[in-house]
N, C-alpha and C. Protein backbone atom coordinates (compact mmCIF):
# COMPACT_ATOMS: atom_id res chain seq x y z
N GLN A 1 -9.60 28.99 -13.72
CA GLN A 1 -8.56 28.24 -14.32
C GLN A 1 -9.09 26.87 -14.97
N SER A 2 -9.11 26.61 -16.27
CA SER A 2 -9.78 25.46 -16.82
C SER A 2 -8.48 24.34 -16.65
N LYS A 3 -9.07 23.17 -16.31
CA LYS A 3 -8.00 22.02 -16.21
C LYS A 3 -8.46 20.93 -17.25
N ASP A 4 -7.37 20.28 -17.72
CA ASP A 4 -7.88 18.90 -18.49
C ASP A 4 -8.51 18.05 -17.51
N ALA A 5 -9.38 17.23 -18.00
CA ALA A 5 -10.21 16.03 -17.03
C ALA A 5 -9.31 15.31 -16.55
N SER A 6 -8.10 14.96 -17.02
CA SER A 6 -7.20 13.96 -16.52
C SER A 6 -6.28 14.65 -15.51
N GLU A 7 -6.54 15.76 -15.31
CA GLU A 7 -5.72 16.39 -14.11
C GLU A 7 -6.67 16.75 -12.86
N LEU A 8 -7.85 16.56 -12.84
CA LEU A 8 -8.80 16.88 -11.97
C LEU A 8 -8.38 15.75 -10.58
N PHE A 9 -8.70 16.17 -9.70
CA PHE A 9 -8.27 15.29 -8.23
C PHE A 9 -9.70 14.40 -8.32
N ASP A 10 -9.40 13.12 -8.17
CA ASP A 10 -10.31 12.01 -8.31
C ASP A 10 -10.81 11.59 -6.79
N GLY A 11 -10.24 12.23 -5.59
CA GLY A 11 -10.66 12.19 -4.39
C GLY A 11 -9.83 11.05 -3.67
N LYS A 12 -9.10 10.48 -4.35
CA LYS A 12 -8.37 9.42 -3.57
C LYS A 12 -6.99 9.67 -3.35
N GLY A 13 -6.63 9.16 -2.24
CA GLY A 13 -5.23 9.47 -1.60
C GLY A 13 -4.85 8.51 -0.84
N GLY A 14 -3.46 8.59 -0.31
CA GLY A 14 -3.01 7.58 0.82
C GLY A 14 -1.69 8.16 1.28
N CYS A 15 -1.23 7.41 2.51
CA CYS A 15 0.08 7.57 2.90
C CYS A 15 0.53 6.42 3.46
N TYR A 16 1.77 6.43 3.99
CA TYR A 16 2.24 5.47 4.66
C TYR A 16 2.35 6.07 6.31
N ILE A 17 2.34 5.29 7.20
CA ILE A 17 2.56 5.62 8.65
C ILE A 17 3.32 4.39 9.00
N GLU A 18 4.64 4.98 9.61
CA GLU A 18 5.22 3.81 10.47
C GLU A 18 4.82 3.72 11.86
N SER A 19 4.74 2.49 12.00
CA SER A 19 4.07 1.90 13.22
C SER A 19 4.89 1.14 14.01
N GLY A 20 6.35 1.57 13.99
CA GLY A 20 7.35 0.85 15.00
C GLY A 20 7.70 -0.57 14.62
N ARG A 21 8.73 -0.94 15.38
CA ARG A 21 9.18 -2.38 15.22
C ARG A 21 9.36 -2.65 13.72
N GLU A 22 9.98 -1.72 12.98
CA GLU A 22 10.35 -1.90 11.58
C GLU A 22 9.22 -2.40 10.81
N THR A 23 7.90 -1.60 11.04
CA THR A 23 6.72 -2.00 10.31
C THR A 23 5.99 -0.49 9.69
N ALA A 24 5.25 -0.71 9.15
CA ALA A 24 4.45 0.55 8.52
C ALA A 24 3.00 0.00 7.98
N SER A 25 1.86 0.98 8.11
CA SER A 25 0.82 0.66 7.58
C SER A 25 0.50 1.67 6.22
N VAL A 26 -0.57 1.31 5.73
CA VAL A 26 -0.77 2.20 4.60
C VAL A 26 -2.35 2.40 4.75
N ILE A 27 -2.48 3.85 4.85
CA ILE A 27 -4.06 4.42 4.80
C ILE A 27 -4.29 4.89 3.49
N GLU A 28 -5.37 4.41 3.11
CA GLU A 28 -6.12 4.85 1.74
C GLU A 28 -7.40 5.63 2.10
N VAL A 29 -7.50 6.80 1.49
CA VAL A 29 -8.91 7.52 1.51
C VAL A 29 -9.56 7.60 0.24
N ASP A 30 -10.83 7.65 0.18
CA ASP A 30 -11.64 7.91 -1.04
C ASP A 30 -12.63 8.89 -0.59
N MET A 31 -12.37 10.26 -1.01
CA MET A 31 -13.42 11.19 -0.45
C MET A 31 -14.68 11.20 -1.03
N PHE A 32 -14.71 10.49 -2.37
CA PHE A 32 -15.95 10.84 -3.05
C PHE A 32 -16.80 9.47 -3.08
N SER A 33 -16.32 8.51 -2.44
CA SER A 33 -16.97 7.33 -2.40
C SER A 33 -18.56 7.75 -1.68
N GLN A 34 -19.56 6.88 -2.31
CA GLN A 34 -20.92 7.02 -1.67
C GLN A 34 -21.22 5.89 -1.05
N PRO A 35 -22.04 5.83 -0.01
CA PRO A 35 -22.79 7.18 0.44
C PRO A 35 -21.89 8.24 1.25
N LYS A 36 -20.78 7.81 1.80
CA LYS A 36 -19.93 8.78 2.50
C LYS A 36 -18.38 8.49 2.18
N PRO A 37 -17.62 9.24 2.36
CA PRO A 37 -16.17 8.90 2.26
C PRO A 37 -15.86 7.72 3.11
N SER A 38 -14.78 7.03 2.37
CA SER A 38 -14.25 5.70 3.04
C SER A 38 -12.56 6.06 3.33
N THR A 39 -12.26 5.16 4.35
CA THR A 39 -11.04 4.98 4.79
C THR A 39 -10.46 3.61 5.16
N SER A 40 -9.54 3.25 4.42
CA SER A 40 -9.07 1.79 4.94
C SER A 40 -7.53 2.02 5.53
N ILE A 41 -7.18 1.08 6.42
CA ILE A 41 -5.88 1.08 6.72
C ILE A 41 -5.42 -0.50 6.77
N SER A 42 -4.30 -0.76 6.01
CA SER A 42 -3.52 -2.01 6.11
C SER A 42 -2.98 -2.41 7.25
N ALA A 43 -2.58 -3.93 7.37
CA ALA A 43 -1.75 -4.45 8.39
C ALA A 43 -0.65 -3.91 8.38
N GLN A 44 0.19 -3.89 9.77
CA GLN A 44 1.45 -3.45 9.89
C GLN A 44 2.27 -4.51 9.40
N THR A 45 3.24 -4.08 8.37
CA THR A 45 4.18 -5.06 7.71
C THR A 45 5.52 -4.28 7.45
N SER A 46 6.44 -5.35 7.38
CA SER A 46 7.89 -4.86 6.97
C SER A 46 7.87 -4.50 5.50
N GLU A 47 7.06 -5.03 4.68
CA GLU A 47 6.95 -4.78 3.38
C GLU A 47 6.30 -3.49 3.09
N ASN A 48 5.46 -3.11 3.88
CA ASN A 48 5.02 -1.66 3.81
C ASN A 48 5.98 -0.51 4.17
N LEU A 49 6.87 -1.07 4.98
CA LEU A 49 8.01 -0.17 5.56
C LEU A 49 8.85 0.02 4.31
N SER A 50 9.14 -1.03 3.74
CA SER A 50 10.16 -1.06 2.57
C SER A 50 9.62 -0.33 1.37
N SER A 51 8.35 -0.43 1.19
CA SER A 51 7.67 0.38 0.16
C SER A 51 7.65 2.02 0.46
N LYS A 52 7.48 2.22 1.96
CA LYS A 52 7.40 3.65 2.22
C LYS A 52 8.91 4.33 2.04
N ARG A 53 10.08 3.37 2.42
CA ARG A 53 11.34 3.82 2.02
C ARG A 53 11.61 4.35 0.65
N GLU A 54 11.22 3.29 -0.23
CA GLU A 54 11.25 3.39 -1.76
C GLU A 54 10.56 4.55 -2.15
N PHE A 55 9.30 4.76 -2.02
CA PHE A 55 8.58 6.07 -2.03
C PHE A 55 9.33 7.23 -1.70
N GLU A 56 9.82 7.36 -0.62
CA GLU A 56 10.44 8.58 0.00
C GLU A 56 11.80 8.76 -0.97
N LYS A 57 12.50 7.68 -1.12
CA LYS A 57 13.72 7.99 -2.08
C LYS A 57 13.49 8.60 -3.35
N GLU A 58 12.26 7.89 -3.97
CA GLU A 58 11.85 8.58 -5.21
C GLU A 58 11.37 9.82 -5.28
N ARG A 59 10.75 10.23 -4.35
CA ARG A 59 10.24 11.47 -4.33
C ARG A 59 11.40 12.59 -4.10
N LEU A 60 12.16 12.17 -2.96
CA LEU A 60 13.30 13.05 -2.69
C LEU A 60 14.24 13.23 -3.83
N SER A 61 14.57 12.13 -4.87
CA SER A 61 15.36 12.50 -5.91
C SER A 61 14.79 13.24 -7.07
N LYS A 62 13.31 13.33 -7.19
CA LYS A 62 12.65 14.17 -8.00
C LYS A 62 12.65 15.53 -7.58
N TRP A 63 12.55 15.79 -6.18
CA TRP A 63 12.42 17.13 -5.66
C TRP A 63 13.62 17.88 -5.41
N LEU A 64 14.67 17.07 -5.13
CA LEU A 64 15.83 17.91 -4.77
C LEU A 64 16.94 17.93 -5.99
């Protein structure tokens, strides 16, 4: 199946991880970085937890 170039996966992704005590971290991955895939994790903050909750609300409202 042919896909428009704008629809191709660029190898980048991420997710939130709740880390307790009302905080969360963000993990970001770049599978196509060179010379090897890269991963980073942010600090545990209450702001990340707020962003995670907003992200969840947005996705659930679109999916359901």
